[in-house]
PDB file of N, CA and C in Angstrom:
ATOM      1  N   MET A   1      53.604  -3.945 -14.174  1.00  0.00           N
ATOM      2  CA  MET A   1      52.391  -2.728 -13.677  1.00  0.00           C
ATOM      3  C   MET A   1      52.371  -2.710 -14.047  1.00  0.00           C
ATOM      4  N   GLY A   2      52.361  -1.425 -15.576  1.00  0.00           N
ATOM      5  CA  GLY A   2      51.211  -1.096 -16.132  1.00  0.00           C
ATOM      6  C   GLY A   2      49.303  -2.690 -16.749  1.00  0.00           C
ATOM      7  N   ASP A   3      50.125  -3.512 -17.122  1.00  0.00           N
ATOM      8  CA  ASP A   3      49.033  -4.727 -17.282  1.00  0.00           C
ATOM      9  C   ASP A   3      47.986  -4.555 -16.171  1.00  0.00           C
ATOM     10  N   ALA A   4      48.400  -4.889 -14.674  1.00  0.00           N
ATOM     11  CA  ALA A   4      48.137  -4.935 -13.193  1.00  0.00           C
ATOM     12  C   ALA A   4      46.890  -3.811 -13.055  1.00  0.00           C
ATOM     13  N   ALA A   5      47.316  -2.985 -14.101  1.00  0.00           N
ATOM     14  CA  ALA A   5      46.263  -1.384 -13.277  1.00  0.00           C
ATOM     15  C   ALA A   5      45.503  -0.921 -14.772  1.00  0.00           C
ATOM     16  N   GLU A   6      45.648  -1.382 -16.307  1.00  0.00           N
ATOM     17  CA  GLU A   6      44.668  -1.603 -17.333  1.00  0.00           C
ATOM     18  C   GLU A   6      43.200  -3.107 -16.586  1.00  0.00           C
ATOM     19  N   GLY A   7      43.835  -4.332 -16.159  1.00  0.00           N
ATOM     20  CA  GLY A   7      43.058  -4.704 -15.299  1.00  0.00           C
ATOM     21  C   GLY A   7      42.363  -4.601 -14.350  1.00  0.00           C
ATOM     22  N   LEU A   8      42.884  -3.679 -14.049  1.00  0.00           N
ATOM     23  CA  LEU A   8      42.063  -2.532 -12.649  1.00  0.00           C
ATOM     24  C   LEU A   8      41.142  -1.678 -13.036  1.00  0.00           C
ATOM     25  N   ILE A   9      41.455  -1.026 -13.753  1.00  0.00           N
ATOM     26  CA  ILE A   9      40.293  -0.100 -15.085  1.00  0.00           C
ATOM     27  C   ILE A   9      38.987  -0.906 -15.423  1.00  0.00           C
ATOM     28  N   ASP A  10      39.808  -2.065 -15.983  1.00  0.00           N
ATOM     29  CA  ASP A  10      39.046  -2.518 -17.172  1.00  0.00           C
ATOM     30  C   ASP A  10      37.387  -3.506 -16.262  1.00  0.00           C
ATOM     31  N   ALA A  11      38.159  -3.846 -14.763  1.00  0.00           N
ATOM     32  CA  ALA A  11      37.133  -4.338 -13.789  1.00  0.00           C
ATOM     33  C   ALA A  11      36.423  -3.161 -13.067  1.00  0.00           C
ATOM     34  N   ASP A  12      36.876  -2.295 -12.597  1.00  0.00           N
ATOM     35  CA  ASP A  12      36.333  -1.548 -12.464  1.00  0.00           C
ATOM     36  C   ASP A  12      35.512  -1.001 -13.280  1.00  0.00           C
ATOM     37  N   ALA A  13      35.683  -0.929 -14.804  1.00  0.00           N
ATOM     38  CA  ALA A  13      34.225  -0.499 -15.710  1.00  0.00           C
ATOM     39  C   ALA A  13      32.833  -1.480 -15.500  1.00  0.00           C
ATOM     40  N   ARG A  14      33.426  -2.729 -15.513  1.00  0.00           N
ATOM     41  CA  ARG A  14      32.767  -3.490 -15.892  1.00  0.00           C
ATOM     42  C   ARG A  14      32.317  -3.773 -14.360  1.00  0.00           C
ATOM     43  N   LEU A  15      32.026  -3.093 -13.176  1.00  0.00           N
ATOM     44  CA  LEU A  15      31.817  -3.514 -11.735  1.00  0.00           C
ATOM     45  C   LEU A  15      30.807  -1.671 -12.186  1.00  0.00           C
ATOM     46  N   GLN A  16      31.161  -0.862 -12.828  1.00  0.00           N
ATOM     47  CA  GLN A  16      29.684   0.400 -13.268  1.00  0.00           C
ATOM     48  C   GLN A  16      29.375  -0.297 -13.823  1.00  0.00           C
ATOM     49  N   GLU A  17      29.130  -0.184 -14.758  1.00  0.00           N
ATOM     50  CA  GLU A  17      28.337  -0.977 -15.847  1.00  0.00           C
ATOM     51  C   GLU A  17      27.318  -1.895 -14.991  1.00  0.00           C
ATOM     52  N   ARG A  18      27.628  -3.186 -14.627  1.00  0.00           N
ATOM     53  CA  ARG A  18      27.117  -3.854 -13.853  1.00  0.00           C
ATOM     54  C   ARG A  18      25.847  -3.140 -12.844  1.00  0.00           C
ATOM     55  N   MET A  19      26.510  -1.980 -11.770  1.00  0.00           N
ATOM     56  CA  MET A  19      25.654  -1.268 -11.353  1.00  0.00           C
ATOM     57  C   MET A  19      24.211  -0.598 -11.674  1.00  0.00           C
ATOM     58  N   GLU A  20      24.806  -0.047 -13.169  1.00  0.00           N
ATOM     59  CA  GLU A  20      23.922   0.914 -13.503  1.00  0.00           C
ATOM     60  C   GLU A  20      22.801  -0.524 -14.300  1.00  0.00           C
ATOM     61  N   GLU A  21      23.335  -1.612 -14.703  1.00  0.00           N
ATOM     62  CA  GLU A  21      22.029  -2.519 -15.500  1.00  0.00           C
ATOM     63  C   GLU A  21      21.044  -2.619 -13.969  1.00  0.00           C
ATOM     64  N   LEU A  22      21.551  -3.055 -13.321  1.00  0.00           N
ATOM     65  CA  LEU A  22      20.569  -3.078 -12.289  1.00  0.00           C
ATOM     66  C   LEU A  22      19.584  -1.747 -11.995  1.00  0.00           C
ATOM     67  N   GLU A  23      20.456  -1.599 -11.129  1.00  0.00           N
ATOM     68  CA  GLU A  23      19.840  -0.203 -10.917  1.00  0.00           C
ATOM     69  C   GLU A  23      18.684   0.570 -12.308  1.00  0.00           C
ATOM     70  N   GLU A  24      18.939   0.658 -12.827  1.00  0.00           N
ATOM     71  CA  GLU A  24      18.047   0.289 -14.459  1.00  0.00           C
ATOM     72  C   GLU A  24      17.039  -0.799 -14.464  1.00  0.00           C
ATOM     73  N   SER A  25      17.452  -1.986 -14.064  1.00  0.00           N
ATOM     74  CA  SER A  25      16.184  -3.135 -13.404  1.00  0.00           C
ATOM     75  C   SER A  25      15.093  -3.041 -12.744  1.00  0.00           C
ATOM     76  N   ARG A  26      15.946  -2.123 -11.111  1.00  0.00           N
ATOM     77  CA  ARG A  26      15.283  -1.935  -9.977  1.00  0.00           C
ATOM     78  C   ARG A  26      13.658  -1.363 -10.836  1.00  0.00           C
ATOM     79  N   LYS A  27      14.727  -0.466 -11.624  1.00  0.00           N
ATOM     80  CA  LYS A  27      13.361   0.561 -11.780  1.00  0.00           C
ATOM     81  C   LYS A  27      11.943   0.834 -12.739  1.00  0.00           C
ATOM     82  N   ALA A  28      12.806  -0.468 -13.822  1.00  0.00           N
ATOM     83  CA  ALA A  28      11.414  -1.147 -14.495  1.00  0.00           C
ATOM     84  C   ALA A  28      10.551  -1.598 -13.877  1.00  0.00           C
ATOM     85  N   ALA A  29      11.277  -2.471 -13.008  1.00  0.00           N
ATOM     86  CA  ALA A  29      10.582  -2.735 -11.874  1.00  0.00           C
ATOM     87  C   ALA A  29       9.452  -2.612 -10.857  1.00  0.00           C
ATOM     88  N   ARG A  30       9.867  -1.577 -10.290  1.00  0.00           N
ATOM     89  CA  ARG A  30       8.927  -0.092 -10.165  1.00  0.00           C
ATOM     90  C   ARG A  30       8.183   0.481 -10.601  1.00  0.00           C
ATOM     91  N   ASP A  31       8.391   0.078 -11.884  1.00  0.00           N
ATOM     92  CA  ASP A  31       7.104   1.086 -12.847  1.00  0.00           C
ATOM     93  C   ASP A  31       6.150   0.120 -13.293  1.00  0.00           C
ATOM     94  N   ARG A  32       6.967  -1.215 -13.289  1.00  0.00           N
ATOM     95  CA  ARG A  32       5.873  -1.883 -14.061  1.00  0.00           C
ATOM     96  C   ARG A  32       4.781  -2.230 -12.504  1.00  0.00           C
ATOM     97  N   ARG A  33       4.708  -2.059 -11.368  1.00  0.00           N
ATOM     98  CA  ARG A  33       4.267  -2.314  -9.979  1.00  0.00           C
ATOM     99  C   ARG A  33       2.496  -1.626 -10.180  1.00  0.00           C
ATOM    100  N   PRO A  34       1.545  -1.698  -9.863  1.00  0.00           N
ATOM    101  CA  PRO A  34       0.731  -0.779 -10.000  1.00  0.00           C
ATOM    102  C   PRO A  34       0.567   0.315  -8.943  1.00  0.00           C
ATOM    103  N   LYS A  35       0.124   1.465  -9.602  1.00  0.00           N
ATOM    104  CA  LYS A  35       0.463   3.195  -8.274  1.00  0.00           C
ATOM    105  C   LYS A  35      -1.069   2.359  -7.653  1.00  0.00           C
ATOM    106  N   VAL A  36      -0.470   2.506  -6.448  1.00  0.00           N
ATOM    107  CA  VAL A  36      -1.362   2.846  -5.631  1.00  0.00           C
ATOM    108  C   VAL A  36      -1.378   3.994  -4.518  1.00  0.00           C
ATOM    109  N   ASP A  37      -2.872   3.991  -4.313  1.00  0.00           N
ATOM    110  CA  ASP A  37      -2.795   5.911  -3.713  1.00  0.00           C
ATOM    111  C   ASP A  37      -2.577   5.909  -1.974  1.00  0.00           C
ATOM    112  N   PRO A  38      -2.244   5.766  -1.758  1.00  0.00           N
ATOM    113  CA  PRO A  38      -1.806   5.858   0.159  1.00  0.00           C
ATOM    114  C   PRO A  38      -3.108   6.545   0.861  1.00  0.00           C
ATOM    115  N   GLU A  39      -3.404   7.266   0.550  1.00  0.00           N
ATOM    116  CA  GLU A  39      -4.756   8.126   1.081  1.00  0.00           C
ATOM    117  C   GLU A  39      -5.889   7.651   0.281  1.00  0.00           C
ATOM    118  N   ARG A  40      -6.289   7.041  -0.142  1.00  0.00           N
ATOM    119  CA  ARG A  40      -7.457   5.912  -0.367  1.00  0.00           C
ATOM    120  C   ARG A  40      -7.449   4.606  -0.010  1.00  0.00           C
ATOM    121  N   VAL A  41      -5.780   4.576   0.750  1.00  0.00           N
ATOM    122  CA  VAL A  41      -5.976   2.877   1.651  1.00  0.00           C
ATOM    123  C   VAL A  41      -6.151   3.367   2.806  1.00  0.00           C
ATOM    124  N   ARG A  42      -5.500   4.549   2.872  1.00  0.00           N
ATOM    125  CA  ARG A  42      -5.378   4.728   4.691  1.00  0.00           C
ATOM    126  C   ARG A  42      -7.749   5.556   4.385  1.00  0.00           C
ATOM    127  N   ALA A  43      -8.161   5.333   3.948  1.00  0.00           N
ATOM    128  CA  ALA A  43      -9.580   6.682   3.828  1.00  0.00           C
ATOM    129  C   ALA A  43     -10.246   4.512   3.903  1.00  0.00           C
ATOM    130  N   PHE A  44      -9.518   3.581   3.119  1.00  0.00           N
ATOM    131  CA  PHE A  44     -10.657   2.511   3.148  1.00  0.00           C
ATOM    132  C   PHE A  44     -10.220   1.684   4.525  1.00  0.00           C
ATOM    133  N   GLU A  45      -9.212   1.426   5.244  1.00  0.00           N
ATOM    134  CA  GLU A  45      -8.308   1.317   6.344  1.00  0.00           C
ATOM    135  C   GLU A  45      -9.877   1.505   7.553  1.00  0.00           C
ATOM    136  N   SER A  46      -9.845   3.035   7.425  1.00  0.00           N
ATOM    137  CA  SER A  46     -10.485   3.465   8.221  1.00  0.00           C
ATOM    138  C   SER A  46     -11.791   3.177   8.292  1.00  0.00           C
ATOM    139  N   LEU A  47     -12.438   3.689   6.972  1.00  0.00           N
ATOM    140  CA  LEU A  47     -13.425   2.666   7.123  1.00  0.00           C
ATOM    141  C   LEU A  47     -14.162   1.410   7.613  1.00  0.00           C
ATOM    142  N   ARG A  48     -12.744   0.495   7.462  1.00  0.00           N
ATOM    143  CA  ARG A  48     -12.967  -0.938   7.515  1.00  0.00           C
ATOM    144  C   ARG A  48     -12.683  -0.866   9.620  1.00  0.00           C
ATOM    145  N   LEU A  49     -12.379  -0.333   9.664  1.00  0.00           N
ATOM    146  CA  LEU A  49     -11.677  -0.736  10.832  1.00  0.00           C
ATOM    147  C   LEU A  49     -13.229   0.103  12.258  1.00  0.00           C
ATOM    148  N   ALA A  50     -13.222   1.250  10.993  1.00  0.00           N
ATOM    149  CA  ALA A  50     -14.798   1.442  11.817  1.00  0.00           C
ATOM    150  C   ALA A  50     -16.275   1.086  12.100  1.00  0.00           C
ATOM    151  N   ARG A  51     -15.997   0.116  10.922  1.00  0.00           N
ATOM    152  CA  ARG A  51     -17.272  -0.523  10.684  1.00  0.00           C
ATOM    153  C   ARG A  51     -17.368  -2.066  11.570  1.00  0.00           C
ATOM    154  N   THR A  52     -15.577  -2.122  12.167  1.00  0.00           N
ATOM    155  CA  THR A  52     -15.629  -3.189  12.860  1.00  0.00           C
ATOM    156  C   THR A  52     -15.951  -2.902  14.351  1.00  0.00           C
ATOM    157  N   GLU A  53     -15.885  -1.805  14.959  1.00  0.00           N
ATOM    158  CA  GLU A  53     -16.224  -0.804  16.267  1.00  0.00           C
ATOM    159  C   GLU A  53     -17.786  -0.772  16.100  1.00  0.00           C
ATOM    160  N   LEU A  54     -18.289  -0.089  15.209  1.00  0.00           N
ATOM    161  CA  LEU A  54     -19.629  -0.021  15.009  1.00  0.00           C
ATOM    162  C   LEU A  54     -20.243  -1.082  15.030  1.00  0.00           C
ATOM    163  N   GLN A  55     -19.768  -2.976  14.710  1.00  0.00           N
ATOM    164  CA  GLN A  55     -20.323  -4.040  14.517  1.00  0.00           C
ATOM    165  C   GLN A  55     -20.466  -4.638  16.129  1.00  0.00           C
ATOM    166  N   ARG A  56     -19.227  -3.828  16.841  1.00  0.00           N
ATOM    167  CA  ARG A  56     -18.948  -4.653  17.889  1.00  0.00           C
ATOM    168  C   ARG A  56     -19.802  -4.239  19.034  1.00  0.00           C
ATOM    169  N   GLN A  57     -20.283  -2.788  18.911  1.00  0.00           N
ATOM    170  CA  GLN A  57     -21.480  -2.026  19.416  1.00  0.00           C
ATOM    171  C   GLN A  57     -22.719  -2.180  19.420  1.00  0.00           C
ATOM    172  N   LEU A  58     -22.691  -2.826  18.404  1.00  0.00           N
ATOM    173  CA  LEU A  58     -24.704  -3.348  17.735  1.00  0.00           C
ATOM    174  C   LEU A  58     -24.381  -3.999  19.060  1.00  0.00           C
ATOM    175  N   ASP A  59     -23.401  -5.428  18.658  1.00  0.00           N
ATOM    176  CA  ASP A  59     -24.022  -6.695  19.469  1.00  0.00           C
ATOM    177  C   ASP A  59     -23.844  -6.607  20.602  1.00  0.00           C
ATOM    178  N   ALA A  60     -23.571  -5.014  21.121  1.00  0.00           N
ATOM    179  CA  ALA A  60     -23.200  -5.390  22.714  1.00  0.00           C
ATOM    180  C   ALA A  60     -23.882  -4.214  23.141  1.00  0.00           C
ATOM    181  N   THR A  61     -25.111  -3.591  22.145  1.00  0.00           N
ATOM    182  CA  THR A  61     -26.408  -2.509  22.723  1.00  0.00           C
ATOM    183  C   THR A  61     -27.434  -3.641  22.908  1.00  0.00           C
ATOM    184  N   ALA A  62     -28.685  -3.185  23.494  1.00  0.00           N
ATOM    185  CA  ALA A  62     -29.744  -3.475  23.860  1.00  0.00           C
ATOM    186  C   ALA A  62     -30.940  -2.990  22.960  1.00  0.00           C
ATOM    187  N   HIS A  63     -30.702  -1.378  23.628  1.00  0.00           N
ATOM    188  CA  HIS A  63     -31.483  -0.356  23.340  1.00  0.00           C
ATOM    189  C   HIS A  63     -31.991  -0.046  21.986  1.00  0.00           C
ATOM    190  N   PRO A  64     -33.154  -0.326  21.777  1.00  0.00           N
ATOM    191  CA  PRO A  64     -33.872  -0.400  20.042  1.00  0.00           C
ATOM    192  C   PRO A  64     -32.916   1.043  19.343  1.00  0.00           C
ATOM    193  N   ALA A  65     -33.698   2.107  20.304  1.00  0.00           N
ATOM    194  CA  ALA A  65     -32.930   3.575  19.540  1.00  0.00           C
ATOM    195  C   ALA A  65     -32.134   3.482  19.040  1.00  0.00           C
ATOM    196  N   ARG A  66     -30.501   3.446  20.182  1.00  0.00           N
ATOM    197  CA  ARG A  66     -29.139   3.128  19.640  1.00  0.00           C
ATOM    198  C   ARG A  66     -28.728   1.961  19.374  1.00  0.00           C
ATOM    199  N   ARG A  67     -29.521   0.728  19.381  1.00  0.00           N
ATOM    200  CA  ARG A  67     -29.699  -0.571  18.077  1.00  0.00           C
ATOM    201  C   ARG A  67     -29.710   0.531  16.302  1.00  0.00           C
ATOM    202  N   GLU A  68     -30.983   1.416  16.213  1.00  0.00           N
ATOM    203  CA  GLU A  68     -31.167   1.240  14.871  1.00  0.00           C
ATOM    204  C   GLU A  68     -29.948   3.246  14.216  1.00  0.00           C
ATOM    205  N   GLN A  69     -29.079   2.874  15.692  1.00  0.00           N
ATOM    206  CA  GLN A  69     -28.442   4.265  14.813  1.00  0.00           C
ATOM    207  C   GLN A  69     -27.096   3.774  14.069  1.00  0.00           C
ATOM    208  N   ILE A  70     -27.151   2.819  15.411  1.00  0.00           N
ATOM    209  CA  ILE A  70     -25.714   2.113  14.702  1.00  0.00           C
ATOM    210  C   ILE A  70     -26.377   1.463  13.301  1.00  0.00           C
ATOM    211  N   THR A  71     -27.108   0.689  13.329  1.00  0.00           N
ATOM    212  CA  THR A  71     -27.008  -0.202  12.105  1.00  0.00           C
ATOM    213  C   THR A  71     -27.731   1.223  10.900  1.00  0.00           C
ATOM    214  N   GLN A  72     -27.633   2.457  10.562  1.00  0.00           N
ATOM    215  CA  GLN A  72     -27.930   3.021  10.156  1.00  0.00           C
ATOM    216  C   GLN A  72     -26.505   3.513   9.785  1.00  0.00           C
ATOM    217  N   ALA A  73     -25.517   3.851  10.856  1.00  0.00           N
ATOM    218  CA  ALA A  73     -24.625   4.107  10.917  1.00  0.00           C
ATOM    219  C   ALA A  73     -23.643   2.455   9.927  1.00  0.00           C
ATOM    220  N   VAL A  74     -23.998   1.880  10.497  1.00  0.00           N
ATOM    221  CA  VAL A  74     -22.982   0.943   9.082  1.00  0.00           C
ATOM    222  C   VAL A  74     -23.833   0.627   8.088  1.00  0.00           C
ATOM    223  N   ALA A  75     -24.994   0.957   7.648  1.00  0.00           N
ATOM    224  CA  ALA A  75     -25.428   0.867   6.381  1.00  0.00           C
ATOM    225  C   ALA A  75     -24.326   2.339   5.806  1.00  0.00           C
ATOM    226  N   GLU A  76     -24.172   3.062   6.106  1.00  0.00           N
ATOM    227  CA  GLU A  76     -23.623   3.975   4.951  1.00  0.00           C
ATOM    228  C   GLU A  76     -22.116   4.116   5.649  1.00  0.00           C
ATOM    229  N   ILE A  77     -21.614   3.078   6.378  1.00  0.00           N
ATOM    230  CA  ILE A  77     -19.768   3.314   6.228  1.00  0.00           C
ATOM    231  C   ILE A  77     -20.083   1.727   4.964  1.00  0.00           C
ATOM    232  N   ASP A  78     -20.877   1.244   4.813  1.00  0.00           N
ATOM    233  CA  ASP A  78     -20.834  -0.244   4.043  1.00  0.00           C
ATOM    234  C   ASP A  78     -21.688   1.588   1.976  1.00  0.00           C
ATOM    235  N   ARG A  79     -22.015   1.808   2.323  1.00  0.00           N
ATOM    236  CA  ARG A  79     -22.341   2.390   1.478  1.00  0.00           C
ATOM    237  C   ARG A  79     -20.681   3.255   0.367  1.00  0.00           C
ATOM    238  N   ARG A  80     -20.114   3.202   1.193  1.00  0.00           N
ATOM    239  CA  ARG A  80     -19.159   4.045   0.977  1.00  0.00           C
ATOM    240  C   ARG A  80     -17.816   3.249   0.507  1.00  0.00           C
ATOM    241  N   LEU A  81     -17.924   2.348   1.328  1.00  0.00           N
ATOM    242  CA  LEU A  81     -16.917   0.962   0.970  1.00  0.00           C
ATOM    243  C   LEU A  81     -17.607   0.131  -0.438  1.00  0.00           C
ATOM    244  N   ALA A  82     -18.561   0.433  -0.973  1.00  0.00           N
ATOM    245  CA  ALA A  82     -19.096  -0.029  -2.157  1.00  0.00           C
ATOM    246  C   ALA A  82     -18.497   1.258  -3.282  1.00  0.00           C
ATOM    247  N   ALA A  83     -18.716   2.280  -2.958  1.00  0.00           N
ATOM    248  CA  ALA A  83     -17.815   3.782  -4.002  1.00  0.00           C
ATOM    249  C   ALA A  83     -16.675   3.024  -4.062  1.00  0.00           C
ATOM    250  N   MET A  84     -16.096   3.369  -2.912  1.00  0.00           N
ATOM    251  CA  MET A  84     -14.630   3.218  -3.021  1.00  0.00           C
ATOM    252  C   MET A  84     -14.145   2.367  -3.900  1.00  0.00           C
ATOM    253  N   ASN A  85     -14.310   0.340  -3.937  1.00  0.00           N
ATOM    254  CA  ASN A  85     -14.214   0.048  -4.440  1.00  0.00           C
ATOM    255  C   ASN A  85     -14.763  -0.073  -6.333  1.00  0.00           C
TER     256      ASN A  85
END
């Protein structure tokens, strides 16, 4: 019976070592990925969506003064998007 217990202890130790190796490899993979700033991604997506909405408004607007306002707003959003890249 002693040999069987030693076999179980050895198997448990090998299993624990393998689990530690897997955790280390996962951590190394996470460290290699480029760091992404979630706030920057949120700001970029917000600007992109605002530009889409303004473009939709521009297409639907006939009044020249309002079209000029929207055009200026789109230009400002484009400037901010370019500054983020």
